[in-house]
PDB file of all heavy atoms in Angstrom:
ATOM      1  N   ALA A   1     -13.063  -7.727 -12.495  1.00  0.00           N
ATOM      2  CA  ALA A   1     -11.718  -8.065 -12.975  1.00  0.00           C
ATOM      3  C   ALA A   1     -11.459  -9.559 -12.819  1.00  0.00           C
ATOM      4  O   ALA A   1     -10.863 -10.199 -13.695  1.00  0.00           O
ATOM      5  CB  ALA A   1     -10.667  -7.258 -12.215  1.00  0.00           C
ATOM      6  N   ILE A   2     -11.904 -10.118 -11.702  1.00  0.00           N
ATOM      7  CA  ILE A   2     -11.741 -11.553 -11.465  1.00  0.00           C
ATOM      8  C   ILE A   2     -12.655 -12.354 -12.389  1.00  0.00           C
ATOM      9  O   ILE A   2     -12.239 -13.341 -13.017  1.00  0.00           O
ATOM     10  CB  ILE A   2     -12.042 -11.894  -9.997  1.00  0.00           C
ATOM     11  CG1 ILE A   2     -11.013 -11.218  -9.081  1.00  0.00           C
ATOM     12  CG2 ILE A   2     -12.041 -13.406  -9.778  1.00  0.00           C
ATOM     13  CD1 ILE A   2     -11.379 -11.278  -7.611  1.00  0.00           C
ATOM     14  N   ALA A   3     -13.898 -11.909 -12.514  1.00  0.00           N
ATOM     15  CA  ALA A   3     -14.884 -12.643 -13.309  1.00  0.00           C
ATOM     16  C   ALA A   3     -14.542 -12.647 -14.792  1.00  0.00           C
ATOM     17  O   ALA A   3     -14.771 -13.650 -15.487  1.00  0.00           O
ATOM     18  CB  ALA A   3     -16.270 -12.038 -13.095  1.00  0.00           C
ATOM     19  N   PHE A   4     -13.987 -11.542 -15.304  1.00  0.00           N
ATOM     20  CA  PHE A   4     -13.754 -11.405 -16.739  1.00  0.00           C
ATOM     21  C   PHE A   4     -12.336 -11.768 -17.169  1.00  0.00           C
ATOM     22  O   PHE A   4     -12.034 -11.773 -18.362  1.00  0.00           O
ATOM     23  CB  PHE A   4     -14.045  -9.968 -17.189  1.00  0.00           C
ATOM     24  CG  PHE A   4     -15.494  -9.567 -17.095  1.00  0.00           C
ATOM     25  CD1 PHE A   4     -15.851  -8.231 -17.102  1.00  0.00           C
ATOM     26  CD2 PHE A   4     -16.494 -10.522 -17.004  1.00  0.00           C
ATOM     27  CE1 PHE A   4     -17.182  -7.844 -17.026  1.00  0.00           C
ATOM     28  CE2 PHE A   4     -17.832 -10.148 -16.920  1.00  0.00           C
ATOM     29  CZ  PHE A   4     -18.172  -8.806 -16.930  1.00  0.00           C
ATOM     30  N   ALA A   5     -11.447 -12.037 -16.220  1.00  0.00           N
ATOM     31  CA  ALA A   5     -10.062 -12.369 -16.574  1.00  0.00           C
ATOM     32  C   ALA A   5     -10.021 -13.708 -17.299  1.00  0.00           C
ATOM     33  O   ALA A   5     -10.804 -14.613 -16.996  1.00  0.00           O
ATOM     34  CB  ALA A   5      -9.199 -12.415 -15.315  1.00  0.00           C
ATOM     35  N   PRO A   6      -9.100 -13.871 -18.266  1.00  0.00           N
ATOM     36  CA  PRO A   6      -8.097 -12.900 -18.714  1.00  0.00           C
ATOM     37  C   PRO A   6      -8.515 -12.102 -19.943  1.00  0.00           C
ATOM     38  O   PRO A   6      -7.745 -11.301 -20.457  1.00  0.00           O
ATOM     39  CB  PRO A   6      -6.909 -13.792 -19.060  1.00  0.00           C
ATOM     40  CG  PRO A   6      -7.560 -15.020 -19.623  1.00  0.00           C
ATOM     41  CD  PRO A   6      -8.834 -15.208 -18.829  1.00  0.00           C
ATOM     42  N   ARG A   7      -9.776 -12.292 -20.404  1.00  0.00           N
ATOM     43  CA  ARG A   7     -10.175 -11.690 -21.686  1.00  0.00           C
ATOM     44  C   ARG A   7     -10.387 -10.187 -21.596  1.00  0.00           C
ATOM     45  O   ARG A   7     -10.098  -9.448 -22.537  1.00  0.00           O
ATOM     46  CB  ARG A   7     -11.450 -12.358 -22.196  1.00  0.00           C
ATOM     47  CG  ARG A   7     -11.786 -12.028 -23.637  1.00  0.00           C
ATOM     48  CD  ARG A   7     -12.977 -12.842 -24.118  1.00  0.00           C
ATOM     49  NE  ARG A   7     -14.193 -12.494 -23.402  1.00  0.00           N
ATOM     50  CZ  ARG A   7     -14.991 -11.487 -23.750  1.00  0.00           C
ATOM     51  NH1 ARG A   7     -14.692 -10.710 -24.766  1.00  0.00           N
ATOM     52  NH2 ARG A   7     -16.093 -11.246 -23.065  1.00  0.00           N
ATOM     53  N   ILE A   8     -10.909  -9.718 -20.459  1.00  0.00           N
ATOM     54  CA  ILE A   8     -11.210  -8.294 -20.298  1.00  0.00           C
ATOM     55  C   ILE A   8     -10.523  -7.776 -19.049  1.00  0.00           C
ATOM     56  O   ILE A   8     -10.638  -8.374 -17.979  1.00  0.00           O
ATOM     57  CB  ILE A   8     -12.731  -8.052 -20.175  1.00  0.00           C
ATOM     58  CG1 ILE A   8     -13.468  -8.578 -21.406  1.00  0.00           C
ATOM     59  CG2 ILE A   8     -13.028  -6.564 -20.002  1.00  0.00           C
ATOM     60  CD1 ILE A   8     -14.983  -8.561 -21.256  1.00  0.00           C
ATOM     61  N   ARG A   9      -9.824  -6.675 -19.188  1.00  0.00           N
ATOM     62  CA  ARG A   9      -9.208  -6.020 -18.033  1.00  0.00           C
ATOM     63  C   ARG A   9     -10.181  -4.972 -17.491  1.00  0.00           C
ATOM     64  O   ARG A   9     -10.790  -4.230 -18.261  1.00  0.00           O
ATOM     65  CB  ARG A   9      -7.891  -5.355 -18.422  1.00  0.00           C
ATOM     66  CG  ARG A   9      -6.828  -6.355 -18.843  1.00  0.00           C
ATOM     67  CD  ARG A   9      -5.539  -5.686 -19.269  1.00  0.00           C
ATOM     68  NE  ARG A   9      -5.718  -4.911 -20.485  1.00  0.00           N
ATOM     69  CZ  ARG A   9      -5.778  -3.584 -20.543  1.00  0.00           C
ATOM     70  NH1 ARG A   9      -5.685  -2.869 -19.430  1.00  0.00           N
ATOM     71  NH2 ARG A   9      -5.941  -2.965 -21.681  1.00  0.00           N
ATOM     72  N   VAL A  10     -10.316  -4.920 -16.168  1.00  0.00           N
ATOM     73  CA  VAL A  10     -11.267  -3.998 -15.533  1.00  0.00           C
ATOM     74  C   VAL A  10     -10.523  -3.199 -14.475  1.00  0.00           C
ATOM     75  O   VAL A  10      -9.968  -3.767 -13.525  1.00  0.00           O
ATOM     76  CB  VAL A  10     -12.448  -4.755 -14.889  1.00  0.00           C
ATOM     77  CG1 VAL A  10     -13.506  -3.763 -14.406  1.00  0.00           C
ATOM     78  CG2 VAL A  10     -13.054  -5.757 -15.865  1.00  0.00           C
ATOM     79  N   ASN A  11     -10.498  -1.886 -14.634  1.00  0.00           N
ATOM     80  CA  ASN A  11      -9.796  -1.015 -13.694  1.00  0.00           C
ATOM     81  C   ASN A  11     -10.632   0.228 -13.394  1.00  0.00           C
ATOM     82  O   ASN A  11     -11.655   0.477 -14.038  1.00  0.00           O
ATOM     83  CB  ASN A  11      -8.439  -0.601 -14.275  1.00  0.00           C
ATOM     84  CG  ASN A  11      -7.474  -1.759 -14.395  1.00  0.00           C
ATOM     85  OD1 ASN A  11      -6.962  -2.257 -13.400  1.00  0.00           O
ATOM     86  ND2 ASN A  11      -7.229  -2.213 -15.622  1.00  0.00           N
ATOM     87  N   ALA A  12     -10.191   0.991 -12.414  1.00  0.00           N
ATOM     88  CA  ALA A  12     -10.896   2.212 -12.026  1.00  0.00           C
ATOM     89  C   ALA A  12      -9.915   3.367 -11.909  1.00  0.00           C
ATOM     90  O   ALA A  12      -8.725   3.176 -11.648  1.00  0.00           O
ATOM     91  CB  ALA A  12     -11.630   2.007 -10.703  1.00  0.00           C
ATOM     92  N   LEU A  13     -10.432   4.549 -12.091  1.00  0.00           N
ATOM     93  CA  LEU A  13      -9.693   5.782 -11.830  1.00  0.00           C
ATOM     94  C   LEU A  13     -10.344   6.480 -10.645  1.00  0.00           C
ATOM     95  O   LEU A  13     -11.566   6.460 -10.500  1.00  0.00           O
ATOM     96  CB  LEU A  13      -9.725   6.716 -13.041  1.00  0.00           C
ATOM     97  CG  LEU A  13      -8.951   6.276 -14.284  1.00  0.00           C
ATOM     98  CD1 LEU A  13      -9.218   7.254 -15.427  1.00  0.00           C
ATOM     99  CD2 LEU A  13      -7.472   6.206 -13.989  1.00  0.00           C
ATOM    100  N   ALA A  14      -9.519   7.100  -9.811  1.00  0.00           N
ATOM    101  CA  ALA A  14     -10.033   7.852  -8.664  1.00  0.00           C
ATOM    102  C   ALA A  14      -9.461   9.265  -8.709  1.00  0.00           C
ATOM    103  O   ALA A  14      -8.457   9.563  -8.062  1.00  0.00           O
ATOM    104  CB  ALA A  14      -9.664   7.163  -7.356  1.00  0.00           C
ATOM    105  N   PRO A  15     -10.075  10.142  -9.497  1.00  0.00           N
ATOM    106  CA  PRO A  15      -9.603  11.532  -9.541  1.00  0.00           C
ATOM    107  C   PRO A  15      -9.856  12.231  -8.208  1.00  0.00           C
ATOM    108  O   PRO A  15     -10.803  11.909  -7.483  1.00  0.00           O
ATOM    109  CB  PRO A  15     -10.443  12.163 -10.653  1.00  0.00           C
ATOM    110  CG  PRO A  15     -10.998  11.004 -11.429  1.00  0.00           C
ATOM    111  CD  PRO A  15     -11.179   9.904 -10.430  1.00  0.00           C
ATOM    112  N   ALA A  16      -9.004  13.190  -7.919  1.00  0.00           N
ATOM    113  CA  ALA A  16      -9.225  14.056  -6.762  1.00  0.00           C
ATOM    114  C   ALA A  16      -9.901  15.335  -7.259  1.00  0.00           C
ATOM    115  O   ALA A  16     -10.930  15.271  -7.912  1.00  0.00           O
ATOM    116  CB  ALA A  16      -7.913  14.329  -6.041  1.00  0.00           C
ATOM    117  N   PHE A  17      -9.310  16.484  -6.993  1.00  0.00           N
ATOM    118  CA  PHE A  17      -9.951  17.747  -7.360  1.00  0.00           C
ATOM    119  C   PHE A  17      -9.588  18.097  -8.803  1.00  0.00           C
ATOM    120  O   PHE A  17      -8.450  18.457  -9.105  1.00  0.00           O
ATOM    121  CB  PHE A  17      -9.495  18.859  -6.407  1.00  0.00           C
ATOM    122  CG  PHE A  17     -10.354  20.089  -6.454  1.00  0.00           C
ATOM    123  CD1 PHE A  17     -11.557  20.122  -5.776  1.00  0.00           C
ATOM    124  CD2 PHE A  17      -9.965  21.202  -7.184  1.00  0.00           C
ATOM    125  CE1 PHE A  17     -12.359  21.256  -5.811  1.00  0.00           C
ATOM    126  CE2 PHE A  17     -10.754  22.331  -7.223  1.00  0.00           C
ATOM    127  CZ  PHE A  17     -11.961  22.360  -6.531  1.00  0.00           C
ATOM    128  N   ILE A  18     -10.565  17.987  -9.706  1.00  0.00           N
ATOM    129  CA  ILE A  18     -10.357  18.237 -11.133  1.00  0.00           C
ATOM    130  C   ILE A  18     -11.145  19.487 -11.539  1.00  0.00           C
ATOM    131  O   ILE A  18     -12.307  19.655 -11.153  1.00  0.00           O
ATOM    132  CB  ILE A  18     -10.824  17.034 -11.975  1.00  0.00           C
ATOM    133  CG1 ILE A  18     -10.157  15.735 -11.484  1.00  0.00           C
ATOM    134  CG2 ILE A  18     -10.532  17.276 -13.455  1.00  0.00           C
ATOM    135  CD1 ILE A  18      -8.642  15.723 -11.576  1.00  0.00           C
ATOM    136  N   ALA A  19     -10.513  20.353 -12.316  1.00  0.00           N
ATOM    137  CA  ALA A  19     -11.147  21.601 -12.754  1.00  0.00           C
ATOM    138  C   ALA A  19     -12.197  21.310 -13.821  1.00  0.00           C
ATOM    139  O   ALA A  19     -11.868  21.021 -14.979  1.00  0.00           O
ATOM    140  CB  ALA A  19     -10.092  22.555 -13.290  1.00  0.00           C
ATOM    141  N   THR A  20     -13.456  21.359 -13.440  1.00  0.00           N
ATOM    142  CA  THR A  20     -14.571  21.152 -14.359  1.00  0.00           C
ATOM    143  C   THR A  20     -15.637  22.197 -14.062  1.00  0.00           C
ATOM    144  O   THR A  20     -15.509  22.989 -13.121  1.00  0.00           O
ATOM    145  CB  THR A  20     -15.184  19.751 -14.188  1.00  0.00           C
ATOM    146  OG1 THR A  20     -15.729  19.640 -12.857  1.00  0.00           O
ATOM    147  CG2 THR A  20     -14.139  18.655 -14.408  1.00  0.00           C
ATOM    148  N   GLU A  21     -16.716  22.177 -14.843  1.00  0.00           N
ATOM    149  CA  GLU A  21     -17.824  23.085 -14.574  1.00  0.00           C
ATOM    150  C   GLU A  21     -18.390  22.857 -13.170  1.00  0.00           C
ATOM    151  O   GLU A  21     -18.819  23.796 -12.502  1.00  0.00           O
ATOM    152  CB  GLU A  21     -18.931  22.888 -15.615  1.00  0.00           C
ATOM    153  CG  GLU A  21     -18.552  23.349 -17.012  1.00  0.00           C
ATOM    154  CD  GLU A  21     -19.695  23.133 -17.990  1.00  0.00           C
ATOM    155  OE1 GLU A  21     -20.787  22.723 -17.552  1.00  0.00           O
ATOM    156  OE2 GLU A  21     -19.486  23.370 -19.196  1.00  0.00           O
ATOM    157  N   MET A  22     -18.371  21.602 -12.732  1.00  0.00           N
ATOM    158  CA  MET A  22     -18.894  21.268 -11.414  1.00  0.00           C
ATOM    159  C   MET A  22     -18.053  21.907 -10.304  1.00  0.00           C
ATOM    160  O   MET A  22     -18.586  22.511  -9.366  1.00  0.00           O
ATOM    161  CB  MET A  22     -18.945  19.753 -11.232  1.00  0.00           C
ATOM    162  CG  MET A  22     -19.589  19.307  -9.928  1.00  0.00           C
ATOM    163  SD  MET A  22     -19.567  17.499  -9.729  1.00  0.00           S
ATOM    164  CE  MET A  22     -20.523  16.995 -11.152  1.00  0.00           C
ATOM    165  N   THR A  23     -16.720  21.788 -10.411  1.00  0.00           N
ATOM    166  CA  THR A  23     -15.867  22.363  -9.360  1.00  0.00           C
ATOM    167  C   THR A  23     -15.779  23.876  -9.474  1.00  0.00           C
ATOM    168  O   THR A  23     -15.539  24.559  -8.484  1.00  0.00           O
ATOM    169  CB  THR A  23     -14.456  21.754  -9.409  1.00  0.00           C
ATOM    170  OG1 THR A  23     -13.886  21.954 -10.709  1.00  0.00           O
ATOM    171  CG2 THR A  23     -14.502  20.267  -9.110  1.00  0.00           C
ATOM    172  N   ASP A  24     -15.989  24.405 -10.684  1.00  0.00           N
ATOM    173  CA  ASP A  24     -15.995  25.864 -10.847  1.00  0.00           C
ATOM    174  C   ASP A  24     -17.144  26.506 -10.080  1.00  0.00           C
ATOM    175  O   ASP A  24     -17.087  27.693  -9.731  1.00  0.00           O
ATOM    176  CB  ASP A  24     -16.102  26.233 -12.328  1.00  0.00           C
ATOM    177  CG  ASP A  24     -14.805  26.005 -13.083  1.00  0.00           C
ATOM    178  OD1 ASP A  24     -13.756  25.827 -12.432  1.00  0.00           O
ATOM    179  OD2 ASP A  24     -14.834  25.993 -14.334  1.00  0.00           O
ATOM    180  N   ALA A  25     -18.204  25.726  -9.824  1.00  0.00           N
ATOM    181  CA  ALA A  25     -19.364  26.254  -9.110  1.00  0.00           C
ATOM    182  C   ALA A  25     -19.146  26.307  -7.602  1.00  0.00           C
ATOM    183  O   ALA A  25     -19.930  26.922  -6.872  1.00  0.00           O
ATOM    184  CB  ALA A  25     -20.589  25.400  -9.423  1.00  0.00           C
ATOM    185  N   ILE A  26     -18.070  25.690  -7.121  1.00  0.00           N
ATOM    186  CA  ILE A  26     -17.760  25.715  -5.690  1.00  0.00           C
ATOM    187  C   ILE A  26     -17.269  27.119  -5.311  1.00  0.00           C
ATOM    188  O   ILE A  26     -16.481  27.720  -6.054  1.00  0.00           O
ATOM    189  CB  ILE A  26     -16.666  24.676  -5.360  1.00  0.00           C
ATOM    190  CG1 ILE A  26     -17.171  23.270  -5.667  1.00  0.00           C
ATOM    191  CG2 ILE A  26     -16.233  24.772  -3.902  1.00  0.00           C
ATOM    192  CD1 ILE A  26     -16.115  22.189  -5.531  1.00  0.00           C
ATOM    193  N   PRO A  27     -17.716  27.663  -4.191  1.00  0.00           N
ATOM    194  CA  PRO A  27     -17.236  28.993  -3.762  1.00  0.00           C
ATOM    195  C   PRO A  27     -15.714  29.045  -3.742  1.00  0.00           C
ATOM    196  O   PRO A  27     -15.044  28.082  -3.355  1.00  0.00           O
ATOM    197  CB  PRO A  27     -17.822  29.136  -2.352  1.00  0.00           C
ATOM    198  CG  PRO A  27     -19.048  28.273  -2.379  1.00  0.00           C
ATOM    199  CD  PRO A  27     -18.717  27.108  -3.263  1.00  0.00           C
ATOM    200  N   ALA A  28     -15.165  30.184  -4.175  1.00  0.00           N
ATOM    201  CA  ALA A  28     -13.718  30.334  -4.346  1.00  0.00           C
ATOM    202  C   ALA A  28     -12.944  30.005  -3.073  1.00  0.00           C
ATOM    203  O   ALA A  28     -11.890  29.348  -3.128  1.00  0.00           O
ATOM    204  CB  ALA A  28     -13.393  31.754  -4.809  1.00  0.00           C
ATOM    205  N   GLU A  29     -13.438  30.427  -1.926  1.00  0.00           N
ATOM    206  CA  GLU A  29     -12.747  30.184  -0.661  1.00  0.00           C
ATOM    207  C   GLU A  29     -12.632  28.692  -0.370  1.00  0.00           C
ATOM    208  O   GLU A  29     -11.572  28.201   0.049  1.00  0.00           O
ATOM    209  CB  GLU A  29     -13.479  30.887   0.479  1.00  0.00           C
ATOM    210  CG  GLU A  29     -12.804  30.736   1.832  1.00  0.00           C
ATOM    211  CD  GLU A  29     -13.538  31.479   2.941  1.00  0.00           C
ATOM    212  OE1 GLU A  29     -14.387  32.349   2.623  1.00  0.00           O
ATOM    213  OE2 GLU A  29     -13.268  31.194   4.115  1.00  0.00           O
ATOM    214  N   LEU A  30     -13.717  27.965  -0.618  1.00  0.00           N
ATOM    215  CA  LEU A  30     -13.710  26.532  -0.380  1.00  0.00           C
ATOM    216  C   LEU A  30     -12.844  25.816  -1.416  1.00  0.00           C
ATOM    217  O   LEU A  30     -12.130  24.861  -1.085  1.00  0.00           O
ATOM    218  CB  LEU A  30     -15.143  25.998  -0.433  1.00  0.00           C
ATOM    219  CG  LEU A  30     -15.356  24.534  -0.039  1.00  0.00           C
ATOM    220  CD1 LEU A  30     -14.816  24.253   1.347  1.00  0.00           C
ATOM    221  CD2 LEU A  30     -16.842  24.186  -0.122  1.00  0.00           C
ATOM    222  N   ARG A  31     -12.874  26.310  -2.651  1.00  0.00           N
ATOM    223  CA  ARG A  31     -12.061  25.714  -3.708  1.00  0.00           C
ATOM    224  C   ARG A  31     -10.575  25.831  -3.375  1.00  0.00           C
ATOM    225  O   ARG A  31      -9.805  24.892  -3.538  1.00  0.00           O
ATOM    226  CB  ARG A  31     -12.378  26.384  -5.042  1.00  0.00           C
ATOM    227  CG  ARG A  31     -11.775  25.679  -6.249  1.00  0.00           C
ATOM    228  CD  ARG A  31     -12.439  26.118  -7.538  1.00  0.00           C
ATOM    229  NE  ARG A  31     -12.329  27.529  -7.780  1.00  0.00           N
ATOM    230  CZ  ARG A  31     -13.352  28.376  -7.832  1.00  0.00           C
ATOM    231  NH1 ARG A  31     -14.581  27.933  -7.662  1.00  0.00           N
ATOM    232  NH2 ARG A  31     -13.164  29.662  -8.059  1.00  0.00           N
ATOM    233  N   GLU A  32     -10.176  26.990  -2.891  1.00  0.00           N
ATOM    234  CA  GLU A  32      -8.776  27.199  -2.518  1.00  0.00           C
ATOM    235  C   GLU A  32      -8.375  26.315  -1.341  1.00  0.00           C
ATOM    236  O   GLU A  32      -7.234  25.853  -1.252  1.00  0.00           O
ATOM    237  CB  GLU A  32      -8.537  28.674  -2.175  1.00  0.00           C
ATOM    238  CG  GLU A  32      -8.594  29.603  -3.372  1.00  0.00           C
ATOM    239  CD  GLU A  32      -7.627  29.187  -4.468  1.00  0.00           C
ATOM    240  OE1 GLU A  32      -6.449  28.874  -4.145  1.00  0.00           O
ATOM    241  OE2 GLU A  32      -8.031  29.143  -5.636  1.00  0.00           O
ATOM    242  N   LYS A  33      -9.301  26.055  -0.449  1.00  0.00           N
ATOM    243  CA  LYS A  33      -9.028  25.171   0.687  1.00  0.00           C
ATOM    244  C   LYS A  33      -8.722  23.762   0.202  1.00  0.00           C
ATOM    245  O   LYS A  33      -7.793  23.111   0.682  1.00  0.00           O
ATOM    246  CB  LYS A  33     -10.224  25.166   1.635  1.00  0.00           C
ATOM    247  CG  LYS A  33     -10.036  24.291   2.872  1.00  0.00           C
ATOM    248  CD  LYS A  33     -11.268  24.357   3.772  1.00  0.00           C
ATOM    249  CE  LYS A  33     -11.092  23.471   5.001  1.00  0.00           C
ATOM    250  NZ  LYS A  33     -12.302  23.520   5.865  1.00  0.00           N
ATOM    251  N   PHE A  34      -9.517  23.285  -0.759  1.00  0.00           N
ATOM    252  CA  PHE A  34      -9.272  21.960  -1.330  1.00  0.00           C
ATOM    253  C   PHE A  34      -7.898  21.903  -1.995  1.00  0.00           C
ATOM    254  O   PHE A  34      -7.126  20.961  -1.797  1.00  0.00           O
ATOM    255  CB  PHE A  34     -10.350  21.620  -2.368  1.00  0.00           C
ATOM    256  CG  PHE A  34     -11.708  21.367  -1.783  1.00  0.00           C
ATOM    257  CD1 PHE A  34     -12.852  21.676  -2.506  1.00  0.00           C
ATOM    258  CD2 PHE A  34     -11.860  20.815  -0.520  1.00  0.00           C
ATOM    259  CE1 PHE A  34     -14.112  21.444  -1.980  1.00  0.00           C
ATOM    260  CE2 PHE A  34     -13.114  20.578   0.026  1.00  0.00           C
ATOM    261  CZ  PHE A  34     -14.249  20.893  -0.708  1.00  0.00           C
ATOM    262  N   ILE A  35      -7.596  22.914  -2.795  1.00  0.00           N
ATOM    263  CA  ILE A  35      -6.342  22.928  -3.547  1.00  0.00           C
ATOM    264  C   ILE A  35      -5.141  23.010  -2.619  1.00  0.00           C
ATOM    265  O   ILE A  35      -4.079  22.442  -2.905  1.00  0.00           O
ATOM    266  CB  ILE A  35      -6.351  24.087  -4.571  1.00  0.00           C
ATOM    267  CG1 ILE A  35      -7.397  23.806  -5.659  1.00  0.00           C
ATOM    268  CG2 ILE A  35      -4.970  24.289  -5.195  1.00  0.00           C
ATOM    269  CD1 ILE A  35      -7.580  24.936  -6.644  1.00  0.00           C
ATOM    270  N   SER A  36      -5.297  23.667  -1.483  1.00  0.00           N
ATOM    271  CA  SER A  36      -4.181  23.816  -0.546  1.00  0.00           C
ATOM    272  C   SER A  36      -3.725  22.482   0.028  1.00  0.00           C
ATOM    273  O   SER A  36      -2.608  22.361   0.535  1.00  0.00           O
ATOM    274  CB  SER A  36      -4.574  24.766   0.585  1.00  0.00           C
ATOM    275  OG  SER A  36      -5.548  24.166   1.446  1.00  0.00           O
ATOM    276  N   ARG A  37      -4.571  21.468  -0.035  1.00  0.00           N
ATOM    277  CA  ARG A  37      -4.232  20.147   0.494  1.00  0.00           C
ATOM    278  C   ARG A  37      -3.525  19.265  -0.535  1.00  0.00           C
ATOM    279  O   ARG A  37      -3.115  18.146  -0.225  1.00  0.00           O
ATOM    280  CB  ARG A  37      -5.506  19.439   0.956  1.00  0.00           C
ATOM    281  CG  ARG A  37      -6.254  20.162   2.064  1.00  0.00           C
ATOM    282  CD  ARG A  37      -7.587  19.486   2.308  1.00  0.00           C
ATOM    283  NE  ARG A  37      -8.355  20.159   3.348  1.00  0.00           N
ATOM    284  CZ  ARG A  37      -9.631  19.911   3.625  1.00  0.00           C
ATOM    285  NH1 ARG A  37     -10.278  18.987   2.912  1.00  0.00           N
ATOM    286  NH2 ARG A  37     -10.263  20.562   4.572  1.00  0.00           N
ATOM    287  N   ILE A  38      -3.418  19.752  -1.763  1.00  0.00           N
ATOM    288  CA  ILE A  38      -2.830  18.957  -2.839  1.00  0.00           C
ATOM    289  C   ILE A  38      -1.346  19.298  -2.972  1.00  0.00           C
ATOM    290  O   ILE A  38      -0.999  20.460  -3.151  1.00  0.00           O
ATOM    291  CB  ILE A  38      -3.556  19.248  -4.170  1.00  0.00           C
ATOM    292  CG1 ILE A  38      -5.047  18.930  -4.043  1.00  0.00           C
ATOM    293  CG2 ILE A  38      -2.926  18.440  -5.316  1.00  0.00           C
ATOM    294  CD1 ILE A  38      -5.875  19.369  -5.233  1.00  0.00           C
TER     295      ILE A  38
END
């Protein structure tokens, strides 16, 4: 962001627990534990 300013903006996203094929593979009990913290 510093190196490319001002021509290019550089940012990041930090998702938490997102429902995808990857998280669907997590055991249901553990998945519910994660969701309970949100």
